[in-house]
C-alpha cells in the first residue's frame, strides 16, 4: 500500500504522518470486539439491570442441557417415563444433566419475575420503550409455555395431568388450539407433538422474539433510572461500558451455573411412578399455583384460561394506564395497583399450595 509499510515489530507505520499504531489483535482484527466497549449509563452495570442478561444465560444452559437430554428421551407414551427413569438410575451422566435442566428452569422463572418487577418499578415500559416491554411480555409467555410443556414430558402423574389440562384448554379455546387435541391427527401421539413443540417451535420463537427485544434495548438504550439525574444517566462513571456489563453477566452466569450444578448433585428432580389414567388432583409446579387456585374456586379448567388472560391483559395495558413522564416509584399512582396485584398473586398462590386437592377436568 502507498505510504504505509509493516515494521519488524508488527507496528503499522504511516510514513505520511510519521505516526505508529499498534497492530490490532487477532480477535480485534476479525471480530472488532472493541465495538462492544461503548459507554453505558451507570445503572447498566448494577445487579438489578443485569437480570435480563442473566435470564438469557439461564436460557442458554437450558438449551445446552436439553440437547443432551434429547439423546436419551423417548417421546412415545409407552416409553417416555421409562426413558427418564433410565436417565436417573442407569446413565452415568444424564441424571446430572437433568438436574441442571430442572433447576435452571426453576431459577430462570425466578429471574423472569425479578426482571419484570424491575421493569415495572423503574417504569421501563414508558414511551418510547412500549414495544421493548411487549417483546418482554411475549418472552414471559413463551417461557411459561416451555416450562408447562416440559412438565408434561416427565409422563408421571403430574405430567399426565399437565397434558390432560393442555388438551382441556385446547378444547375450551377451540380452533386456535386444535394442535393440542387428540383429534388433530392420528398419525402422531399428542405427547410426541408436545415434545416437538418443546424442543423446536418454542425455542425458535424465543430466539426470534429475544432478538427483537435485544435490538430494541440497544437501539433505544437502557431505560433511565428513576433515582438518578439526567446528567448521571447520560454519562455515568468513567470506564462503564457494555464490555464491562458483559463481564458482570459472565460472572453472574458462572454463579448461576455453580448453584444449579450443586443442586443437581444433591437434590434430584421429582419423578413419580407411571401415570394412572384419570385425574388425581396432583398440584402443579409453584409457578402455576395461582391458576390452580382459580380452578379450585370454579372447579373447571376454563378458570385457568380466564385467570391467565386477565393477568396478561392487566400487564399489557400498564403502558396505557401510566403514560406520564414521572418515573419515580413513589410518584406514580399505578404503583399502588401493582403492589396490590403482586400481593393478590402471592396470596392466591399460597391458597393453591395450602388448599385442598380438587378435580377440575370433569367440567
Protein backbone atom coordinates (compact mmCIF):
# COMPACT_ATOMS: atom_id res chain seq x y z
CA UNK A 1 0.00 0.00 0.00
CA UNK A 2 1.21 3.50 -0.81
CA UNK A 3 2.57 5.42 2.14
CA UNK A 4 2.47 2.53 4.62
CA UNK A 5 4.73 -0.40 5.48
CA UNK A 6 4.92 -3.06 8.18
CA UNK A 7 7.70 -2.65 10.73
CA UNK A 8 9.60 -5.69 12.05
CA UNK A 9 7.85 -5.31 15.41
CA UNK A 10 4.43 -5.68 13.78
CA UNK A 11 3.63 -1.97 14.04
CA UNK A 12 1.95 -0.20 11.14
CA UNK A 13 3.84 2.97 10.27
CA UNK A 14 2.11 5.75 8.38
CA UNK A 15 5.00 7.40 6.50
CA UNK A 16 2.91 10.42 5.54
CA UNK A 17 2.40 11.47 9.16
CA UNK A 18 5.28 9.68 10.81
CA UNK A 19 2.89 8.05 13.29
CA UNK A 20 2.87 4.47 14.53
CA UNK A 21 -0.10 2.42 15.57
CA UNK A 22 -0.12 -0.89 17.37
CA UNK A 23 -1.22 -3.76 15.19
CA UNK A 24 -4.73 -4.93 16.16
CA UNK A 25 -5.01 -8.27 17.94
CA UNK A 26 -6.22 -11.43 16.23
CA UNK A 27 -9.74 -11.06 17.72
CA UNK A 28 -9.93 -7.31 17.17
CA UNK A 29 -8.93 -7.59 13.53
CA UNK A 30 -11.52 -10.26 12.75
CA UNK A 31 -14.42 -9.54 15.13
CA UNK A 32 -13.96 -5.86 16.11
CA UNK A 33 -14.50 -6.67 19.78
CA UNK A 34 -13.74 -3.04 20.65
CA UNK A 35 -17.20 -2.21 19.29
CA UNK A 36 -18.66 -3.81 22.40
CA UNK A 37 -16.96 -1.34 24.71
CA UNK A 38 -19.28 1.58 24.07
CA UNK A 39 -20.33 3.75 27.04
CA UNK A 40 -23.42 2.77 29.03
CA UNK A 41 -25.17 4.59 31.89
CA UNK A 42 -24.02 3.75 35.39
CA UNK A 43 -27.16 1.76 36.27
CA UNK A 44 -26.48 -0.71 33.42
CA UNK A 45 -23.74 -2.42 35.39
CA UNK A 46 -25.79 -2.99 38.53
CA UNK A 47 -27.34 -6.28 39.60
CA UNK A 48 -30.91 -5.07 39.05
CA UNK A 49 -30.19 -4.14 35.43
CA UNK A 50 -28.35 -7.42 34.81
CA UNK A 51 -31.34 -9.66 35.48
CA UNK A 52 -32.35 -9.82 31.81
CA UNK A 53 -28.86 -10.86 30.72
CA UNK A 54 -28.68 -13.48 33.46
CA UNK A 55 -32.03 -14.86 32.29
CA UNK A 56 -30.55 -15.15 28.81
CA UNK A 57 -27.60 -17.12 30.25
CA UNK A 58 -30.07 -19.44 32.01
CA UNK A 59 -31.82 -19.98 28.68
CA UNK A 60 -28.50 -20.98 27.09
CA UNK A 61 -27.95 -23.51 29.89
CA UNK A 62 -31.45 -24.89 29.30
CA UNK A 63 -30.78 -25.27 25.57
CA UNK A 64 -27.41 -26.95 26.10
CA UNK A 65 -28.71 -29.37 28.73
CA UNK A 66 -31.87 -30.01 26.67
CA UNK A 67 -29.82 -31.02 23.64
CA UNK A 68 -28.06 -33.67 25.74
CA UNK A 69 -31.29 -34.91 27.33
CA UNK A 70 -32.88 -35.25 23.90
CA UNK A 71 -30.38 -38.04 23.17
CA UNK A 72 -31.93 -40.10 25.98
CA UNK A 73 -35.61 -39.16 25.86
CA UNK A 74 -38.21 -41.23 24.02
CA UNK A 75 -41.42 -39.17 23.47
CA UNK A 76 -43.73 -42.15 22.89
CA UNK A 77 -46.41 -42.67 25.55
CA UNK A 78 -45.28 -46.21 26.23
CA UNK A 79 -41.61 -45.26 26.63
CA UNK A 80 -41.43 -41.66 27.91
CA UNK A 81 -41.43 -42.39 31.64
CA UNK A 82 -39.11 -45.37 31.24
CA UNK A 83 -36.57 -43.27 29.33
CA UNK A 84 -36.43 -40.68 32.14
CA UNK A 85 -36.19 -43.44 34.73
CA UNK A 86 -33.22 -44.77 32.75
CA UNK A 87 -31.59 -41.34 32.89
CA UNK A 88 -31.98 -41.20 36.66
CA UNK A 89 -31.00 -44.77 37.52
CA UNK A 90 -28.63 -46.18 34.93
CA UNK A 91 -27.00 -43.37 32.99
CA UNK A 92 -23.70 -42.06 34.35
CA UNK A 93 -24.33 -38.53 33.01
CA UNK A 94 -27.96 -37.86 32.17
CA UNK A 95 -29.16 -37.74 35.80
CA UNK A 96 -26.85 -34.79 36.45
CA UNK A 97 -27.79 -33.01 33.22
CA UNK A 98 -31.49 -33.48 34.01
CA UNK A 99 -30.87 -31.90 37.40
CA UNK A 100 -29.21 -28.91 35.77
CA UNK A 101 -32.09 -28.65 33.30
CA UNK A 102 -34.72 -28.82 36.03
CA UNK A 103 -33.08 -26.31 38.38
CA UNK A 104 -32.22 -23.95 35.53
CA UNK A 105 -35.91 -23.83 34.61
CA UNK A 106 -36.84 -23.00 38.21
CA UNK A 107 -34.28 -20.22 38.53
CA UNK A 108 -34.99 -18.87 35.05
CA UNK A 109 -38.60 -18.26 36.05
CA UNK A 110 -37.50 -16.52 39.25
CA UNK A 111 -35.15 -14.32 37.20
CA UNK A 112 -38.00 -13.54 34.80
CA UNK A 113 -40.21 -12.44 37.68
CA UNK A 114 -37.45 -10.29 39.18
CA UNK A 115 -36.69 -8.74 35.79
CA UNK A 116 -40.37 -7.93 35.23
CA UNK A 117 -40.54 -6.41 38.72
CA UNK A 118 -37.52 -4.20 38.00
CA UNK A 119 -39.09 -3.06 34.72
CA UNK A 120 -42.33 -2.15 36.49
CA UNK A 121 -40.56 -0.38 39.36
CA UNK A 122 -38.36 1.74 37.08
CA UNK A 123 -41.13 2.45 34.53
CA UNK A 124 -39.03 0.94 31.73
CA UNK A 125 -42.27 0.41 29.76
CA UNK A 126 -42.81 4.13 29.13
CA UNK A 127 -42.51 5.86 25.77
CA UNK A 128 -40.60 5.10 23.57
CA UNK A 129 -39.99 1.61 25.01
CA UNK A 130 -43.53 0.21 24.90
CA UNK A 131 -42.62 -2.42 22.29
CA UNK A 132 -39.49 -3.40 24.20
CA UNK A 133 -41.86 -4.15 27.07
CA UNK A 134 -44.27 -6.10 24.86
CA UNK A 135 -41.44 -8.19 23.45
CA UNK A 136 -40.52 -8.97 27.07
CA UNK A 137 -44.09 -9.96 27.94
CA UNK A 138 -44.15 -12.26 24.92
CA UNK A 139 -40.95 -13.90 26.14
CA UNK A 140 -42.56 -14.36 29.56
CA UNK A 141 -45.48 -16.19 27.91
CA UNK A 142 -43.20 -18.36 25.76
CA UNK A 143 -41.01 -19.36 28.70
CA UNK A 144 -44.14 -20.22 30.70
CA UNK A 145 -45.26 -22.49 27.85
CA UNK A 146 -41.79 -24.07 27.75
CA UNK A 147 -42.00 -24.95 31.44
CA UNK A 148 -45.58 -26.21 31.15
CA UNK A 149 -44.81 -28.48 28.19
CA UNK A 150 -41.65 -29.66 29.93
CA UNK A 151 -43.75 -30.74 32.91
CA UNK A 152 -45.87 -32.95 30.66
CA UNK A 153 -42.81 -34.68 29.20
CA UNK A 154 -41.98 -36.35 32.53
CA UNK A 155 -45.01 -38.55 31.99
CA UNK A 156 -45.59 -39.34 35.64
CA UNK A 157 -48.95 -38.47 37.21
CA UNK A 158 -48.08 -34.79 37.29
CA UNK A 159 -47.02 -34.91 33.64
CA UNK A 160 -50.11 -36.87 32.67
CA UNK A 161 -52.45 -34.33 34.26
CA UNK A 162 -50.48 -31.44 32.75
CA UNK A 163 -51.08 -32.95 29.32
CA UNK A 164 -54.75 -33.52 30.17
CA UNK A 165 -55.01 -29.86 31.16
CA UNK A 166 -53.38 -28.86 27.89
CA UNK A 167 -55.93 -30.92 25.99
CA UNK A 168 -58.81 -29.47 28.03
CA UNK A 169 -57.56 -25.92 27.40
CA UNK A 170 -57.28 -26.69 23.69
CA UNK A 171 -60.85 -27.99 23.65
CA UNK A 172 -62.08 -24.92 25.52
CA UNK A 173 -60.33 -22.49 23.15
CA UNK A 174 -61.49 -24.34 20.05
CA UNK A 175 -59.95 -23.81 16.62
CA UNK A 176 -56.93 -21.70 17.70
CA UNK A 177 -55.68 -24.56 19.87
CA UNK A 178 -56.65 -27.63 17.81
CA UNK A 179 -52.97 -28.56 17.76
CA UNK A 180 -53.34 -29.69 21.37
CA UNK A 181 -56.26 -32.01 20.75
CA UNK A 182 -56.02 -35.75 20.24
CA UNK A 183 -58.22 -35.39 17.15
CA UNK A 184 -55.75 -33.13 15.35
CA UNK A 185 -54.04 -36.16 13.79
CA UNK A 186 -53.99 -39.90 14.36
CA UNK A 187 -50.52 -40.33 12.88
CA UNK A 188 -48.66 -38.97 15.93
CA UNK A 189 -49.33 -39.15 19.65
CA UNK A 190 -50.11 -35.91 21.45
CA UNK A 191 -47.12 -36.28 23.80
CA UNK A 192 -44.81 -36.56 20.80
CA UNK A 193 -46.28 -33.38 19.31
CA UNK A 194 -45.85 -31.56 22.62
CA UNK A 195 -42.24 -32.76 22.73
CA UNK A 196 -41.68 -31.39 19.21
CA UNK A 197 -43.19 -28.08 20.31
CA UNK A 198 -40.94 -28.04 23.39
CA UNK A 199 -37.65 -28.63 21.55
CA UNK A 200 -38.27 -26.83 18.25
CA UNK A 201 -41.10 -24.32 17.81
CA UNK A 202 -40.97 -22.73 21.27
CA UNK A 203 -37.15 -22.30 21.39
CA UNK A 204 -37.21 -20.88 17.85
CA UNK A 205 -39.92 -18.39 18.77
CA UNK A 206 -37.98 -17.44 21.90
CA UNK A 207 -34.84 -16.76 19.86
CA UNK A 208 -36.75 -14.63 17.34
CA UNK A 209 -38.57 -12.57 19.99
CA UNK A 210 -35.40 -12.30 22.05
CA UNK A 211 -33.54 -10.91 19.03
CA UNK A 212 -36.20 -8.22 18.66
CA UNK A 213 -36.08 -7.46 22.37
CA UNK A 214 -32.28 -7.11 22.41
CA UNK A 215 -32.32 -4.97 19.27
CA UNK A 216 -34.78 -2.52 20.84
CA UNK A 217 -32.76 -2.35 24.07
CA UNK A 218 -29.67 -1.49 22.00
CA UNK A 219 -31.44 0.94 19.66
CA UNK A 220 -33.41 2.80 22.34
CA UNK A 221 -30.71 2.45 25.00
CA UNK A 222 -31.23 1.33 28.59
CA UNK A 223 -34.20 2.97 30.27
CA UNK A 224 -33.50 5.89 32.64
CA UNK A 225 -33.01 5.22 36.32
CA UNK A 226 -35.81 6.88 38.31
CA UNK A 227 -33.48 7.93 41.15
CA UNK A 228 -30.59 9.39 39.10
CA UNK A 229 -30.36 12.78 37.44
CA UNK A 230 -30.27 13.07 33.67
CA UNK A 231 -26.57 14.00 33.69
CA UNK A 232 -25.67 10.98 35.81
CA UNK A 233 -27.59 8.66 33.50
CA UNK A 234 -26.21 10.10 30.27
CA UNK A 235 -22.55 9.87 31.18
CA UNK A 236 -22.18 7.54 34.14
CA UNK A 237 -18.78 6.94 35.64
CA UNK A 238 -15.57 6.68 33.63
CA UNK A 239 -14.94 3.20 32.28
CA UNK A 240 -18.54 1.97 32.45
CA UNK A 241 -19.07 0.20 29.12
CA UNK A 242 -21.14 -2.58 27.65
CA UNK A 243 -18.00 -4.70 27.73
CA UNK A 244 -17.96 -4.27 31.49
CA UNK A 245 -21.63 -5.23 31.53
CA UNK A 246 -20.79 -8.45 29.67
CA UNK A 247 -18.10 -9.27 32.24
CA UNK A 248 -20.68 -8.84 35.01
CA UNK A 249 -23.11 -11.09 33.14
CA UNK A 250 -20.42 -13.74 32.73
CA UNK A 251 -19.67 -13.67 36.46
CA UNK A 252 -23.37 -13.87 37.33
CA UNK A 253 -23.77 -16.68 34.80
CA UNK A 254 -20.96 -18.67 36.41
CA UNK A 255 -22.54 -18.16 39.83
CA UNK A 256 -25.86 -19.35 38.37
CA UNK A 257 -24.23 -22.43 36.81
CA UNK A 258 -22.47 -23.25 40.08
CA UNK A 259 -25.70 -23.06 42.09
CA UNK A 260 -27.73 -25.24 39.70
CA UNK A 261 -24.86 -27.74 39.45
CA UNK A 262 -24.65 -28.11 43.23
CA UNK A 263 -28.43 -28.53 43.43
CA UNK A 264 -28.31 -31.09 40.61
CA UNK A 265 -25.71 -33.09 42.57
CA UNK A 266 -27.64 -33.20 45.82
CA UNK A 267 -31.35 -32.64 45.03
CA UNK A 268 -32.83 -34.86 42.34
CA UNK A 269 -35.70 -33.52 40.23
CA UNK A 270 -39.04 -35.15 41.10
CA UNK A 271 -40.21 -38.13 39.08
CA UNK A 272 -43.29 -40.03 40.18
CA UNK A 273 -44.35 -43.52 39.07
CA UNK A 274 -46.03 -44.32 35.77
CA UNK A 275 -49.26 -42.30 35.45
CA UNK A 276 -52.65 -43.80 36.15
CA UNK A 277 -55.46 -42.71 33.77
CA UNK A 278 -57.87 -40.28 35.39
CA UNK A 279 -57.39 -37.15 37.45
CA UNK A 280 -55.91 -37.48 40.93
CA UNK A 281 -55.79 -33.76 41.68
CA UNK A 282 -52.00 -33.54 41.89
CA UNK A 283 -50.88 -29.95 42.31
CA UNK A 284 -48.74 -28.25 39.64
CA UNK A 285 -45.36 -26.56 39.97
CA UNK A 286 -45.22 -23.40 42.09
CA UNK A 287 -45.41 -21.00 39.10
CA UNK A 288 -48.88 -22.35 38.20
CA UNK A 289 -50.38 -22.48 41.70
CA UNK A 290 -52.29 -19.21 41.23
CA UNK A 291 -54.04 -20.75 38.20
CA UNK A 292 -54.67 -23.93 40.19
CA UNK A 293 -56.35 -21.81 42.88
CA UNK A 294 -58.60 -20.24 40.24
CA UNK A 295 -59.53 -23.72 39.02
CA UNK A 296 -60.35 -24.76 42.59
CA UNK A 297 -62.75 -21.85 43.01
CA UNK A 298 -64.66 -22.64 39.81
CA UNK A 299 -63.98 -26.35 39.56
CA UNK A 300 -63.09 -26.19 35.87
CA UNK A 301 -60.02 -25.75 33.68
CA UNK A 302 -61.65 -22.74 31.97
CA UNK A 303 -60.93 -20.72 35.14
CA UNK A 304 -57.20 -21.04 34.50
CA UNK A 305 -57.68 -19.67 30.98
CA UNK A 306 -59.65 -16.69 32.26
CA UNK A 307 -57.16 -16.06 35.06
CA UNK A 308 -54.21 -16.18 32.67
CA UNK A 309 -55.96 -13.90 30.19
CA UNK A 310 -56.81 -11.42 32.94
CA UNK A 311 -53.22 -11.29 34.16
CA UNK A 312 -51.87 -10.89 30.64
CA UNK A 313 -54.36 -8.13 29.83
CA UNK A 314 -53.53 -6.23 33.02
CA UNK A 315 -49.79 -6.32 32.31
CA UNK A 316 -50.39 -5.36 28.68
CA UNK A 317 -52.38 -2.20 29.45
CA UNK A 318 -49.90 -0.80 32.00
CA UNK A 319 -48.12 1.41 29.40
CA UNK A 320 -51.52 2.91 28.54
CA UNK A 321 -52.50 3.44 32.17
CA UNK A 322 -49.20 5.09 33.10
CA UNK A 323 -48.35 7.48 30.25
CA UNK A 324 -46.95 10.40 32.21
CA UNK A 325 -43.30 11.41 32.45
CA UNK A 326 -42.91 10.57 36.16
CA UNK A 327 -40.65 7.56 36.75
CA UNK A 328 -40.08 7.61 40.50
CA UNK A 329 -41.98 4.64 42.04
CA UNK A 330 -43.49 6.81 44.79
CA UNK A 331 -44.65 9.40 42.26
CA UNK A 332 -46.77 7.02 40.18
CA UNK A 333 -50.27 6.16 41.45
CA UNK A 334 -50.25 2.92 39.43
CA UNK A 335 -47.64 1.52 41.82
CA UNK A 336 -50.39 1.01 44.40
CA UNK A 337 -52.31 -1.08 41.86
CA UNK A 338 -49.15 -3.04 41.01
CA UNK A 339 -48.45 -3.68 44.69
CA UNK A 340 -51.97 -4.98 45.20
CA UNK A 341 -51.57 -7.10 42.07
CA UNK A 342 -48.39 -8.72 43.43
CA UNK A 343 -49.96 -9.31 46.84
CA UNK A 344 -53.00 -10.93 45.20
CA UNK A 345 -50.92 -13.28 43.03
CA UNK A 346 -48.77 -14.34 46.00
CA UNK A 347 -51.84 -14.82 48.20
CA UNK A 348 -53.74 -16.98 45.73
CA UNK A 349 -50.55 -18.98 45.06
CA UNK A 350 -50.34 -19.79 48.75
CA UNK A 351 -54.04 -20.57 48.60
CA UNK A 352 -53.36 -23.08 45.84
CA UNK A 353 -50.44 -24.59 47.75
CA UNK A 354 -52.22 -25.00 51.09
CA UNK A 355 -55.74 -25.53 49.75
CA UNK A 356 -57.45 -28.86 49.34
CA UNK A 357 -56.79 -31.04 46.32
CA UNK A 358 -59.63 -30.68 43.82
CA UNK A 359 -60.61 -32.17 40.47
CA UNK A 360 -61.09 -29.86 37.50
CA UNK A 361 -61.14 -31.91 34.33
CA UNK A 362 -64.67 -33.21 34.72
CA UNK A 363 -66.22 -29.83 33.86
